[in-house]
Amino acid sequence: MQTLTESHPRARKAHDCSACHRTIGRGETYLRQVNVDGDMWVWKECAHCQACRPILLDGLLADEPLPPLLDTLHELAYESGAHAILDMHAQHGWRYLDGGVVNLDYVGQLVATATKGGGQ
């Protein structure tokens, strides 16, 4: 796969996150990549999934593709409390029961804890 362009636009309309499938709302910043792998395709990723990339990259060899985010978080849920909380939030589309979006700084703190090996 080759990435042709990568940008971080602010959404003018709703988009689906390619990683977790939640709706990226108007006004949210997201990753947008145009890729070629035989065919040309666009990858859109919410900021929450981007914040979780260190977990996906942990222990990955340079030439290995990124594993699916939701599957990886679910598999790691029993490793630590931080992993379990990230898995729960990801499974619920990074939203609380009242519909509010999970704070991105909080996600970053959980990722930092999870990648340090602590997380309890």
PDB file of N, CA and C in Angstrom:
ATOM      1  N   MET A   1       0.833  -1.177   0.000  1.00  0.00           N
ATOM      2  CA  MET A   1       0.000   0.000   0.000  1.00  0.00           C
ATOM      3  C   MET A   1       0.884   1.248   0.000  1.00  0.00           C
ATOM      4  N   GLN A   2       0.487   2.214  -0.781  1.00  0.00           N
ATOM      5  CA  GLN A   2       1.193   3.486  -0.846  1.00  0.00           C
ATOM      6  C   GLN A   2       0.216   4.602  -0.480  1.00  0.00           C
ATOM      7  N   THR A   3       0.635   5.481   0.429  1.00  0.00           N
ATOM      8  CA  THR A   3      -0.180   6.632   0.802  1.00  0.00           C
ATOM      9  C   THR A   3       0.188   7.791  -0.108  1.00  0.00           C
ATOM     10  N   LEU A   4      -0.794   8.287  -0.861  1.00  0.00           N
ATOM     11  CA  LEU A   4      -0.564   9.412  -1.778  1.00  0.00           C
ATOM     12  C   LEU A   4      -0.647  10.746  -1.062  1.00  0.00           C
ATOM     13  N   THR A   5      -1.671  10.921  -0.239  1.00  0.00           N
ATOM     14  CA  THR A   5      -1.813  12.156   0.531  1.00  0.00           C
ATOM     15  C   THR A   5      -2.320  11.827   1.925  1.00  0.00           C
ATOM     16  N   GLU A   6      -1.959  12.684   2.857  1.00  0.00           N
ATOM     17  CA  GLU A   6      -2.433  12.555   4.232  1.00  0.00           C
ATOM     18  C   GLU A   6      -2.714  13.955   4.746  1.00  0.00           C
ATOM     19  N   SER A   7      -3.898  14.139   5.318  1.00  0.00           N
ATOM     20  CA  SER A   7      -4.256  15.447   5.863  1.00  0.00           C
ATOM     21  C   SER A   7      -5.087  15.261   7.125  1.00  0.00           C
ATOM     22  N   HIS A   8      -5.289  16.354   7.840  1.00  0.00           N
ATOM     23  CA  HIS A   8      -6.077  16.357   9.081  1.00  0.00           C
ATOM     24  C   HIS A   8      -7.137  17.452   8.994  1.00  0.00           C
ATOM     25  N   PRO A   9      -8.145  17.244   8.126  1.00  0.00           N
ATOM     26  CA  PRO A   9      -9.162  18.278   7.957  1.00  0.00           C
ATOM     27  C   PRO A   9     -10.178  18.289   9.103  1.00  0.00           C
ATOM     28  N   ARG A  10     -10.907  19.386   9.185  1.00  0.00           N
ATOM     29  CA  ARG A  10     -12.048  19.489  10.096  1.00  0.00           C
ATOM     30  C   ARG A  10     -13.279  19.097   9.280  1.00  0.00           C
ATOM     31  N   ALA A  11     -14.070  18.181   9.808  1.00  0.00           N
ATOM     32  CA  ALA A  11     -15.221  17.643   9.073  1.00  0.00           C
ATOM     33  C   ALA A  11     -16.274  18.722   8.825  1.00  0.00           C
ATOM     34  N   ARG A  12     -16.663  18.868   7.566  1.00  0.00           N
ATOM     35  CA  ARG A  12     -17.756  19.775   7.205  1.00  0.00           C
ATOM     36  C   ARG A  12     -19.089  19.043   7.173  1.00  0.00           C
ATOM     37  N   LYS A  13     -19.007  17.711   7.142  1.00  0.00           N
ATOM     38  CA  LYS A  13     -20.202  16.865   7.194  1.00  0.00           C
ATOM     39  C   LYS A  13     -19.817  15.601   7.951  1.00  0.00           C
ATOM     40  N   ALA A  14     -20.782  14.780   8.258  1.00  0.00           N
ATOM     41  CA  ALA A  14     -20.510  13.537   8.985  1.00  0.00           C
ATOM     42  C   ALA A  14     -19.783  12.537   8.089  1.00  0.00           C
ATOM     43  N   HIS A  15     -18.838  11.825   8.677  1.00  0.00           N
ATOM     44  CA  HIS A  15     -18.090  10.763   7.995  1.00  0.00           C
ATOM     45  C   HIS A  15     -18.076   9.545   8.910  1.00  0.00           C
ATOM     46  N   ASP A  16     -17.858   8.373   8.354  1.00  0.00           N
ATOM     47  CA  ASP A  16     -17.670   7.163   9.157  1.00  0.00           C
ATOM     48  C   ASP A  16     -16.176   6.917   9.340  1.00  0.00           C
ATOM     49  N   CYS A  17     -15.780   6.614  10.576  1.00  0.00           N
ATOM     50  CA  CYS A  17     -14.393   6.261  10.854  1.00  0.00           C
ATOM     51  C   CYS A  17     -14.128   4.874  10.267  1.00  0.00           C
ATOM     52  N   SER A  18     -13.074   4.761   9.487  1.00  0.00           N
ATOM     53  CA  SER A  18     -12.730   3.481   8.863  1.00  0.00           C
ATOM     54  C   SER A  18     -12.241   2.455   9.881  1.00  0.00           C
ATOM     55  N   ALA A  19     -11.773   2.910  11.048  1.00  0.00           N
ATOM     56  CA  ALA A  19     -11.235   1.994  12.052  1.00  0.00           C
ATOM     57  C   ALA A  19     -12.306   1.481  13.016  1.00  0.00           C
ATOM     58  N   CYS A  20     -13.123   2.397  13.576  1.00  0.00           N
ATOM     59  CA  CYS A  20     -14.108   1.972  14.585  1.00  0.00           C
ATOM     60  C   CYS A  20     -15.544   2.099  14.108  1.00  0.00           C
ATOM     61  N   HIS A  21     -15.748   2.695  12.963  1.00  0.00           N
ATOM     62  CA  HIS A  21     -17.058   2.826  12.318  1.00  0.00           C
ATOM     63  C   HIS A  21     -18.011   3.809  13.003  1.00  0.00           C
ATOM     64  N   ARG A  22     -17.506   4.598  13.956  1.00  0.00           N
ATOM     65  CA  ARG A  22     -18.378   5.604  14.558  1.00  0.00           C
ATOM     66  C   ARG A  22     -18.499   6.779  13.603  1.00  0.00           C
ATOM     67  N   THR A  23     -19.491   7.603  13.822  1.00  0.00           N
ATOM     68  CA  THR A  23     -19.671   8.784  12.999  1.00  0.00           C
ATOM     69  C   THR A  23     -18.752   9.893  13.480  1.00  0.00           C
ATOM     70  N   ILE A  24     -17.938  10.402  12.577  1.00  0.00           N
ATOM     71  CA  ILE A  24     -17.102  11.567  12.857  1.00  0.00           C
ATOM     72  C   ILE A  24     -18.013  12.772  12.619  1.00  0.00           C
ATOM     73  N   GLY A  25     -18.300  13.519  13.664  1.00  0.00           N
ATOM     74  CA  GLY A  25     -19.258  14.616  13.574  1.00  0.00           C
ATOM     75  C   GLY A  25     -18.692  15.868  12.936  1.00  0.00           C
ATOM     76  N   ARG A  26     -19.590  16.721  12.484  1.00  0.00           N
ATOM     77  CA  ARG A  26     -19.182  18.013  11.925  1.00  0.00           C
ATOM     78  C   ARG A  26     -18.332  18.759  12.949  1.00  0.00           C
ATOM     79  N   GLY A  27     -17.240  19.342  12.485  1.00  0.00           N
ATOM     80  CA  GLY A  27     -16.366  20.112  13.355  1.00  0.00           C
ATOM     81  C   GLY A  27     -15.226  19.320  13.965  1.00  0.00           C
ATOM     82  N   GLU A  28     -15.305  17.990  13.937  1.00  0.00           N
ATOM     83  CA  GLU A  28     -14.218  17.168  14.479  1.00  0.00           C
ATOM     84  C   GLU A  28     -13.077  17.082  13.470  1.00  0.00           C
ATOM     85  N   THR A  29     -11.854  17.059  13.969  1.00  0.00           N
ATOM     86  CA  THR A  29     -10.680  16.859  13.126  1.00  0.00           C
ATOM     87  C   THR A  29     -10.447  15.353  13.005  1.00  0.00           C
ATOM     88  N   TYR A  30     -10.063  14.918  11.804  1.00  0.00           N
ATOM     89  CA  TYR A  30      -9.843  13.493  11.572  1.00  0.00           C
ATOM     90  C   TYR A  30      -8.688  13.315  10.590  1.00  0.00           C
ATOM     91  N   LEU A  31      -8.144  12.102  10.535  1.00  0.00           N
ATOM     92  CA  LEU A  31      -7.094  11.754   9.578  1.00  0.00           C
ATOM     93  C   LEU A  31      -7.759  11.340   8.270  1.00  0.00           C
ATOM     94  N   ARG A  32      -7.283  11.886   7.165  1.00  0.00           N
ATOM     95  CA  ARG A  32      -7.780  11.503   5.842  1.00  0.00           C
ATOM     96  C   ARG A  32      -6.579  11.119   4.990  1.00  0.00           C
ATOM     97  N   GLN A  33      -6.565   9.884   4.524  1.00  0.00           N
ATOM     98  CA  GLN A  33      -5.495   9.392   3.658  1.00  0.00           C
ATOM     99  C   GLN A  33      -6.084   8.917   2.340  1.00  0.00           C
ATOM    100  N   VAL A  34      -5.384   9.237   1.253  1.00  0.00           N
ATOM    101  CA  VAL A  34      -5.698   8.649  -0.052  1.00  0.00           C
ATOM    102  C   VAL A  34      -4.612   7.622  -0.306  1.00  0.00           C
ATOM    103  N   ASN A  35      -5.009   6.368  -0.484  1.00  0.00           N
ATOM    104  CA  ASN A  35      -4.078   5.251  -0.606  1.00  0.00           C
ATOM    105  C   ASN A  35      -4.271   4.526  -1.924  1.00  0.00           C
ATOM    106  N   VAL A  36      -3.198   3.861  -2.360  1.00  0.00           N
ATOM    107  CA  VAL A  36      -3.256   3.026  -3.552  1.00  0.00           C
ATOM    108  C   VAL A  36      -2.717   1.653  -3.175  1.00  0.00           C
ATOM    109  N   ASP A  37      -3.515   0.640  -3.490  1.00  0.00           N
ATOM    110  CA  ASP A  37      -3.123  -0.747  -3.275  1.00  0.00           C
ATOM    111  C   ASP A  37      -3.773  -1.543  -4.411  1.00  0.00           C
ATOM    112  N   GLY A  38      -3.338  -1.243  -5.646  1.00  0.00           N
ATOM    113  CA  GLY A  38      -4.046  -1.750  -6.813  1.00  0.00           C
ATOM    114  C   GLY A  38      -5.150  -0.773  -7.177  1.00  0.00           C
ATOM    115  N   ASP A  39      -6.092  -0.547  -6.252  1.00  0.00           N
ATOM    116  CA  ASP A  39      -7.149   0.442  -6.403  1.00  0.00           C
ATOM    117  C   ASP A  39      -6.843   1.641  -5.516  1.00  0.00           C
ATOM    118  N   MET A  40      -7.450   2.774  -5.824  1.00  0.00           N
ATOM    119  CA  MET A  40      -7.317   3.957  -4.988  1.00  0.00           C
ATOM    120  C   MET A  40      -8.481   3.976  -4.001  1.00  0.00           C
ATOM    121  N   TRP A  41      -8.195   4.282  -2.735  1.00  0.00           N
ATOM    122  CA  TRP A  41      -9.229   4.332  -1.713  1.00  0.00           C
ATOM    123  C   TRP A  41      -8.871   5.362  -0.661  1.00  0.00           C
ATOM    124  N   VAL A  42      -9.903   5.802   0.071  1.00  0.00           N
ATOM    125  CA  VAL A  42      -9.733   6.834   1.100  1.00  0.00           C
ATOM    126  C   VAL A  42      -9.966   6.213   2.470  1.00  0.00           C
ATOM    127  N   TRP A  43      -9.049   6.496   3.382  1.00  0.00           N
ATOM    128  CA  TRP A  43      -9.149   6.041   4.772  1.00  0.00           C
ATOM    129  C   TRP A  43      -9.426   7.271   5.623  1.00  0.00           C
ATOM    130  N   LYS A  44     -10.483   7.218   6.421  1.00  0.00           N
ATOM    131  CA  LYS A  44     -10.827   8.303   7.337  1.00  0.00           C
ATOM    132  C   LYS A  44     -10.824   7.728   8.745  1.00  0.00           C
ATOM    133  N   GLU A  45     -10.092   8.394   9.637  1.00  0.00           N
ATOM    134  CA  GLU A  45      -9.926   7.858  10.986  1.00  0.00           C
ATOM    135  C   GLU A  45     -10.146   8.959  12.009  1.00  0.00           C
ATOM    136  N   CYS A  46     -11.021   8.696  12.990  1.00  0.00           N
ATOM    137  CA  CYS A  46     -11.302   9.690  14.033  1.00  0.00           C
ATOM    138  C   CYS A  46     -10.072   9.892  14.917  1.00  0.00           C
ATOM    139  N   ALA A  47     -10.060  11.007  15.619  1.00  0.00           N
ATOM    140  CA  ALA A  47      -8.922  11.355  16.480  1.00  0.00           C
ATOM    141  C   ALA A  47      -8.735  10.337  17.599  1.00  0.00           C
ATOM    142  N   HIS A  48      -9.818   9.713  18.057  1.00  0.00           N
ATOM    143  CA  HIS A  48      -9.715   8.718  19.126  1.00  0.00           C
ATOM    144  C   HIS A  48      -8.943   7.485  18.653  1.00  0.00           C
ATOM    145  N   CYS A  49      -9.254   7.026  17.450  1.00  0.00           N
ATOM    146  CA  CYS A  49      -8.534   5.874  16.897  1.00  0.00           C
ATOM    147  C   CYS A  49      -7.071   6.228  16.622  1.00  0.00           C
ATOM    148  N   GLN A  50      -6.838   7.450  16.166  1.00  0.00           N
ATOM    149  CA  GLN A  50      -5.458   7.892  15.951  1.00  0.00           C
ATOM    150  C   GLN A  50      -4.678   7.862  17.258  1.00  0.00           C
ATOM    151  N   ALA A  51      -5.326   8.260  18.349  1.00  0.00           N
ATOM    152  CA  ALA A  51      -4.665   8.273  19.657  1.00  0.00           C
ATOM    153  C   ALA A  51      -4.273   6.864  20.100  1.00  0.00           C
ATOM    154  N   CYS A  52      -4.977   5.849  19.595  1.00  0.00           N
ATOM    155  CA  CYS A  52      -4.703   4.459  19.977  1.00  0.00           C
ATOM    156  C   CYS A  52      -3.617   3.799  19.131  1.00  0.00           C
ATOM    157  N   ARG A  53      -3.106   4.482  18.137  1.00  0.00           N
ATOM    158  CA  ARG A  53      -2.084   3.873  17.269  1.00  0.00           C
ATOM    159  C   ARG A  53      -0.869   3.332  18.007  1.00  0.00           C
ATOM    160  N   PRO A  54      -0.378   3.997  19.080  1.00  0.00           N
ATOM    161  CA  PRO A  54       0.772   3.406  19.783  1.00  0.00           C
ATOM    162  C   PRO A  54       0.505   1.988  20.285  1.00  0.00           C
ATOM    163  N   ILE A  55      -0.736   1.683  20.641  1.00  0.00           N
ATOM    164  CA  ILE A  55      -1.070   0.323  21.085  1.00  0.00           C
ATOM    165  C   ILE A  55      -0.945  -0.644  19.913  1.00  0.00           C
ATOM    166  N   LEU A  56      -1.395  -0.217  18.730  1.00  0.00           N
ATOM    167  CA  LEU A  56      -1.307  -1.080  17.548  1.00  0.00           C
ATOM    168  C   LEU A  56       0.138  -1.288  17.115  1.00  0.00           C
ATOM    169  N   LEU A  57       0.960  -0.255  17.283  1.00  0.00           N
ATOM    170  CA  LEU A  57       2.353  -0.329  16.830  1.00  0.00           C
ATOM    171  C   LEU A  57       3.260  -1.047  17.818  1.00  0.00           C
ATOM    172  N   ASP A  58       2.807  -1.212  19.058  1.00  0.00           N
ATOM    173  CA  ASP A  58       3.613  -1.833  20.100  1.00  0.00           C
ATOM    174  C   ASP A  58       3.959  -3.269  19.724  1.00  0.00           C
ATOM    175  N   GLY A  59       5.236  -3.534  19.499  1.00  0.00           N
ATOM    176  CA  GLY A  59       5.698  -4.874  19.169  1.00  0.00           C
ATOM    177  C   GLY A  59       5.527  -5.273  17.717  1.00  0.00           C
ATOM    178  N   LEU A  60       5.079  -4.342  16.877  1.00  0.00           N
ATOM    179  CA  LEU A  60       4.867  -4.636  15.462  1.00  0.00           C
ATOM    180  C   LEU A  60       6.169  -4.449  14.684  1.00  0.00           C
ATOM    181  N   LEU A  61       6.459  -5.344  13.780  1.00  0.00           N
ATOM    182  CA  LEU A  61       7.630  -5.201  12.923  1.00  0.00           C
ATOM    183  C   LEU A  61       7.359  -4.129  11.870  1.00  0.00           C
ATOM    184  N   ALA A  62       8.405  -3.517  11.338  1.00  0.00           N
ATOM    185  CA  ALA A  62       8.265  -2.380  10.422  1.00  0.00           C
ATOM    186  C   ALA A  62       7.434  -2.686   9.177  1.00  0.00           C
ATOM    187  N   ASP A  63       7.526  -3.904   8.654  1.00  0.00           N
ATOM    188  CA  ASP A  63       6.833  -4.209   7.399  1.00  0.00           C
ATOM    189  C   ASP A  63       5.457  -4.858   7.609  1.00  0.00           C
ATOM    190  N   GLU A  64       5.038  -5.028   8.853  1.00  0.00           N
ATOM    191  CA  GLU A  64       3.738  -5.632   9.124  1.00  0.00           C
ATOM    192  C   GLU A  64       2.623  -4.595   8.994  1.00  0.00           C
ATOM    193  N   PRO A  65       1.480  -4.992   8.454  1.00  0.00           N
ATOM    194  CA  PRO A  65       0.345  -4.057   8.396  1.00  0.00           C
ATOM    195  C   PRO A  65      -0.262  -3.866   9.780  1.00  0.00           C
ATOM    196  N   LEU A  66      -0.914  -2.721   9.986  1.00  0.00           N
ATOM    197  CA  LEU A  66      -1.586  -2.478  11.261  1.00  0.00           C
ATOM    198  C   LEU A  66      -2.746  -3.449  11.424  1.00  0.00           C
ATOM    199  N   PRO A  67      -2.867  -4.058  12.599  1.00  0.00           N
ATOM    200  CA  PRO A  67      -4.008  -4.943  12.831  1.00  0.00           C
ATOM    201  C   PRO A  67      -5.278  -4.113  13.041  1.00  0.00           C
ATOM    202  N   PRO A  68      -6.456  -4.707  12.918  1.00  0.00           N
ATOM    203  CA  PRO A  68      -7.700  -3.974  13.153  1.00  0.00           C
ATOM    204  C   PRO A  68      -7.770  -3.458  14.590  1.00  0.00           C
ATOM    205  N   LEU A  69      -8.119  -2.185  14.753  1.00  0.00           N
ATOM    206  CA  LEU A  69      -8.131  -1.543  16.066  1.00  0.00           C
ATOM    207  C   LEU A  69      -9.081  -2.222  17.045  1.00  0.00           C
ATOM    208  N   LEU A  70     -10.336  -2.388  16.677  1.00  0.00           N
ATOM    209  CA  LEU A  70     -11.317  -2.936  17.618  1.00  0.00           C
ATOM    210  C   LEU A  70     -10.941  -4.343  18.069  1.00  0.00           C
ATOM    211  N   ASP A  71     -10.474  -5.173  17.141  1.00  0.00           N
ATOM    212  CA  ASP A  71     -10.059  -6.540  17.495  1.00  0.00           C
ATOM    213  C   ASP A  71      -8.873  -6.514  18.453  1.00  0.00           C
ATOM    214  N   THR A  72      -7.913  -5.643  18.176  1.00  0.00           N
ATOM    215  CA  THR A  72      -6.714  -5.564  19.015  1.00  0.00           C
ATOM    216  C   THR A  72      -7.064  -5.104  20.421  1.00  0.00           C
ATOM    217  N   LEU A  73      -7.869  -4.050  20.539  1.00  0.00           N
ATOM    218  CA  LEU A  73      -8.254  -3.573  21.870  1.00  0.00           C
ATOM    219  C   LEU A  73      -9.023  -4.645  22.628  1.00  0.00           C
ATOM    220  N   HIS A  74      -9.886  -5.376  21.941  1.00  0.00           N
ATOM    221  CA  HIS A  74     -10.665  -6.424  22.595  1.00  0.00           C
ATOM    222  C   HIS A  74      -9.748  -7.550  23.088  1.00  0.00           C
ATOM    223  N   GLU A  75      -8.765  -7.922  22.276  1.00  0.00           N
ATOM    224  CA  GLU A  75      -7.825  -8.972  22.674  1.00  0.00           C
ATOM    225  C   GLU A  75      -6.977  -8.556  23.879  1.00  0.00           C
ATOM    226  N   LEU A  76      -6.649  -7.256  23.960  1.00  0.00           N
ATOM    227  CA  LEU A  76      -5.795  -6.761  25.037  1.00  0.00           C
ATOM    228  C   LEU A  76      -6.573  -6.349  26.286  1.00  0.00           C
ATOM    229  N   ALA A  77      -7.880  -6.432  26.247  1.00  0.00           N
ATOM    230  CA  ALA A  77      -8.715  -5.927  27.346  1.00  0.00           C
ATOM    231  C   ALA A  77      -8.378  -6.539  28.704  1.00  0.00           C
ATOM    232  N   TYR A  78      -7.879  -7.768  28.709  1.00  0.00           N
ATOM    233  CA  TYR A  78      -7.577  -8.431  29.978  1.00  0.00           C
ATOM    234  C   TYR A  78      -6.154  -8.157  30.463  1.00  0.00           C
ATOM    235  N   GLU A  79      -5.366  -7.421  29.685  1.00  0.00           N
ATOM    236  CA  GLU A  79      -3.987  -7.149  30.081  1.00  0.00           C
ATOM    237  C   GLU A  79      -3.879  -6.095  31.167  1.00  0.00           C
ATOM    238  N   SER A  80      -4.781  -5.119  31.150  1.00  0.00           N
ATOM    239  CA  SER A  80      -4.723  -4.062  32.159  1.00  0.00           C
ATOM    240  C   SER A  80      -6.054  -3.331  32.219  1.00  0.00           C
ATOM    241  N   GLY A  81      -6.211  -2.565  33.272  1.00  0.00           N
ATOM    242  CA  GLY A  81      -7.406  -1.756  33.404  1.00  0.00           C
ATOM    243  C   GLY A  81      -7.530  -0.725  32.299  1.00  0.00           C
ATOM    244  N   ALA A  82      -6.399  -0.128  31.905  1.00  0.00           N
ATOM    245  CA  ALA A  82      -6.415   0.881  30.839  1.00  0.00           C
ATOM    246  C   ALA A  82      -6.862   0.268  29.516  1.00  0.00           C
ATOM    247  N   HIS A  83      -6.359  -0.925  29.200  1.00  0.00           N
ATOM    248  CA  HIS A  83      -6.780  -1.607  27.977  1.00  0.00           C
ATOM    249  C   HIS A  83      -8.284  -1.903  28.014  1.00  0.00           C
ATOM    250  N   ALA A  84      -8.781  -2.345  29.166  1.00  0.00           N
ATOM    251  CA  ALA A  84     -10.201  -2.684  29.297  1.00  0.00           C
ATOM    252  C   ALA A  84     -11.082  -1.448  29.097  1.00  0.00           C
ATOM    253  N   ILE A  85     -10.663  -0.318  29.656  1.00  0.00           N
ATOM    254  CA  ILE A  85     -11.444   0.914  29.506  1.00  0.00           C
ATOM    255  C   ILE A  85     -11.417   1.382  28.058  1.00  0.00           C
ATOM    256  N   LEU A  86     -10.258   1.308  27.409  1.00  0.00           N
ATOM    257  CA  LEU A  86     -10.177   1.681  25.994  1.00  0.00           C
ATOM    258  C   LEU A  86     -11.063   0.784  25.139  1.00  0.00           C
ATOM    259  N   ASP A  87     -11.042  -0.508  25.416  1.00  0.00           N
ATOM    260  CA  ASP A  87     -11.885  -1.450  24.668  1.00  0.00           C
ATOM    261  C   ASP A  87     -13.361  -1.101  24.838  1.00  0.00           C
ATOM    262  N   MET A  88     -13.773  -0.824  26.077  1.00  0.00           N
ATOM    263  CA  MET A  88     -15.167  -0.487  26.329  1.00  0.00           C
ATOM    264  C   MET A  88     -15.580   0.773  25.562  1.00  0.00           C
ATOM    265  N   HIS A  89     -14.753   1.815  25.630  1.00  0.00           N
ATOM    266  CA  HIS A  89     -15.082   3.059  24.924  1.00  0.00           C
ATOM    267  C   HIS A  89     -15.102   2.848  23.404  1.00  0.00           C
ATOM    268  N   ALA A  90     -14.145   2.102  22.879  1.00  0.00           N
ATOM    269  CA  ALA A  90     -14.097   1.856  21.430  1.00  0.00           C
ATOM    270  C   ALA A  90     -15.327   1.076  20.970  1.00  0.00           C
ATOM    271  N   GLN A  91     -15.714   0.059  21.739  1.00  0.00           N
ATOM    272  CA  GLN A  91     -16.874  -0.753  21.382  1.00  0.00           C
ATOM    273  C   GLN A  91     -18.164   0.074  21.367  1.00  0.00           C
ATOM    274  N   HIS A  92     -18.172   1.166  22.126  1.00  0.00           N
ATOM    275  CA  HIS A  92     -19.344   2.049  22.176  1.00  0.00           C
ATOM    276  C   HIS A  92     -19.159   3.293  21.309  1.00  0.00           C
ATOM    277  N   GLY A  93     -18.261   3.214  20.340  1.00  0.00           N
ATOM    278  CA  GLY A  93     -18.078   4.314  19.401  1.00  0.00           C
ATOM    279  C   GLY A  93     -17.515   5.575  20.026  1.00  0.00           C
ATOM    280  N   TRP A  94     -16.699   5.420  21.078  1.00  0.00           N
ATOM    281  CA  TRP A  94     -16.077   6.543  21.771  1.00  0.00           C
ATOM    282  C   TRP A  94     -17.123   7.518  22.316  1.00  0.00           C
ATOM    283  N   ARG A  95     -18.289   6.979  22.701  1.00  0.00           N
ATOM    284  CA  ARG A  95     -19.366   7.815  23.246  1.00  0.00           C
ATOM    285  C   ARG A  95     -19.811   7.269  24.599  1.00  0.00           C
ATOM    286  N   TYR A  96     -20.228   8.205  25.468  1.00  0.00           N
ATOM    287  CA  TYR A  96     -20.827   7.839  26.741  1.00  0.00           C
ATOM    288  C   TYR A  96     -22.299   7.496  26.512  1.00  0.00           C
ATOM    289  N   LEU A  97     -22.947   6.951  27.522  1.00  0.00           N
ATOM    290  CA  LEU A  97     -24.354   6.575  27.398  1.00  0.00           C
ATOM    291  C   LEU A  97     -25.251   7.769  27.083  1.00  0.00           C
ATOM    292  N   ASP A  98     -24.854   8.964  27.552  1.00  0.00           N
ATOM    293  CA  ASP A  98     -25.664  10.158  27.277  1.00  0.00           C
ATOM    294  C   ASP A  98     -25.423  10.719  25.878  1.00  0.00           C
ATOM    295  N   GLY A  99     -24.546  10.070  25.089  1.00  0.00           N
ATOM    296  CA  GLY A  99     -24.270  10.503  23.715  1.00  0.00           C
ATOM    297  C   GLY A  99     -23.058  11.392  23.571  1.00  0.00           C
ATOM    298  N   GLY A 100     -22.512  11.857  24.686  1.00  0.00           N
ATOM    299  CA  GLY A 100     -21.323  12.711  24.629  1.00  0.00           C
ATOM    300  C   GLY A 100     -20.095  11.929  24.174  1.00  0.00           C
ATOM    301  N   VAL A 101     -19.181  12.609  23.487  1.00  0.00           N
ATOM    302  CA  VAL A 101     -17.959  11.979  22.998  1.00  0.00           C
ATOM    303  C   VAL A 101     -16.929  11.921  24.133  1.00  0.00           C
ATOM    304  N   VAL A 102     -16.248  10.791  24.252  1.00  0.00           N
ATOM    305  CA  VAL A 102     -15.212  10.607  25.262  1.00  0.00           C
ATOM    306  C   VAL A 102     -14.107  11.633  25.030  1.00  0.00           C
ATOM    307  N   ASN A 103     -13.643  12.258  26.104  1.00  0.00           N
ATOM    308  CA  ASN A 103     -12.607  13.280  26.028  1.00  0.00           C
ATOM    309  C   ASN A 103     -11.319  12.700  25.445  1.00  0.00           C
ATOM    310  N   LEU A 104     -10.786  13.370  24.447  1.00  0.00           N
ATOM    311  CA  LEU A 104      -9.592  12.881  23.749  1.00  0.00           C
ATOM    312  C   LEU A 104      -8.358  12.872  24.644  1.00  0.00           C
ATOM    313  N   ASP A 105      -8.231  13.843  25.548  1.00  0.00           N
ATOM    314  CA  ASP A 105      -7.098  13.856  26.486  1.00  0.00           C
ATOM    315  C   ASP A 105      -7.133  12.635  27.395  1.00  0.00           C
ATOM    316  N   TYR A 106      -8.345  12.248  27.808  1.00  0.00           N
ATOM    317  CA  TYR A 106      -8.521  11.061  28.645  1.00  0.00           C
ATOM    318  C   TYR A 106      -8.079   9.806  27.888  1.00  0.00           C
ATOM    319  N   VAL A 107      -8.448   9.717  26.616  1.00  0.00           N
ATOM    320  CA  VAL A 107      -8.021   8.580  25.782  1.00  0.00           C
ATOM    321  C   VAL A 107      -6.498   8.553  25.702  1.00  0.00           C
ATOM    322  N   GLY A 108      -5.880   9.713  25.490  1.00  0.00           N
ATOM    323  CA  GLY A 108      -4.420   9.801  25.432  1.00  0.00           C
ATOM    324  C   GLY A 108      -3.759   9.331  26.716  1.00  0.00           C
ATOM    325  N   GLN A 109      -4.343   9.684  27.862  1.00  0.00           N
ATOM    326  CA  GLN A 109      -3.799   9.239  29.149  1.00  0.00           C
ATOM    327  C   GLN A 109      -3.903   7.719  29.293  1.00  0.00           C
ATOM    328  N   LEU A 110      -5.033   7.172  28.866  1.00  0.00           N
ATOM    329  CA  LEU A 110      -5.208   5.719  28.929  1.00  0.00           C
ATOM    330  C   LEU A 110      -4.214   5.002  28.020  1.00  0.00           C
ATOM    331  N   VAL A 111      -4.012   5.537  26.825  1.00  0.00           N
ATOM    332  CA  VAL A 111      -3.050   4.934  25.889  1.00  0.00           C
ATOM    333  C   VAL A 111      -1.650   4.986  26.484  1.00  0.00           C
ATOM    334  N   ALA A 112      -1.275   6.127  27.055  1.00  0.00           N
ATOM    335  CA  ALA A 112       0.052   6.261  27.662  1.00  0.00           C
ATOM    336  C   ALA A 112       0.228   5.241  28.779  1.00  0.00           C
ATOM    337  N   THR A 113      -0.782   5.063  29.601  1.00  0.00           N
ATOM    338  CA  THR A 113      -0.721   4.075  30.693  1.00  0.00           C
ATOM    339  C   THR A 113      -0.619   2.660  30.127  1.00  0.00           C
ATOM    340  N   ALA A 114      -1.424   2.369  29.116  1.00  0.00           N
ATOM    341  CA  ALA A 114      -1.436   1.013  28.532  1.00  0.00           C
ATOM    342  C   ALA A 114      -0.109   0.668  27.867  1.00  0.00           C
ATOM    343  N   THR A 115       0.520   1.624  27.192  1.00  0.00           N
ATOM    344  CA  THR A 115       1.761   1.330  26.471  1.00  0.00           C
ATOM    345  C   THR A 115       2.966   1.303  27.403  1.00  0.00           C
ATOM    346  N   LYS A 116       2.832   1.827  28.615  1.00  0.00           N
ATOM    347  CA  LYS A 116       3.928   1.737  29.600  1.00  0.00           C
ATOM    348  C   LYS A 116       3.953   0.379  30.265  1.00  0.00           C
ATOM    349  N   GLY A 117       2.885  -0.391  30.045  1.00  0.00           N
ATOM    350  CA  GLY A 117       2.834  -1.724  30.658  1.00  0.00           C
ATOM    351  C   GLY A 117       2.189  -1.725  32.025  1.00  0.00           C
ATOM    352  N   GLY A 118       1.847  -0.546  32.536  1.00  0.00           N
ATOM    353  CA  GLY A 118       1.189  -0.450  33.837  1.00  0.00           C
ATOM    354  C   GLY A 118      -0.269  -0.793  33.698  1.00  0.00           C
ATOM    355  N   GLY A 119      -1.082   0.244  33.600  1.00  0.00           N
ATOM    356  CA  GLY A 119      -2.487   0.094  33.298  1.00  0.00           C
ATOM    357  C   GLY A 119      -3.370  -0.448  34.391  1.00  0.00           C
ATOM    358  N   GLN A 120      -2.850  -0.759  35.558  1.00  0.00           N
ATOM    359  CA  GLN A 120      -3.717  -1.341  36.592  1.00  0.00           C
ATOM    360  C   GLN A 120      -4.455  -0.291  37.342  1.00  0.00           C
TER     361      GLN A 120
END
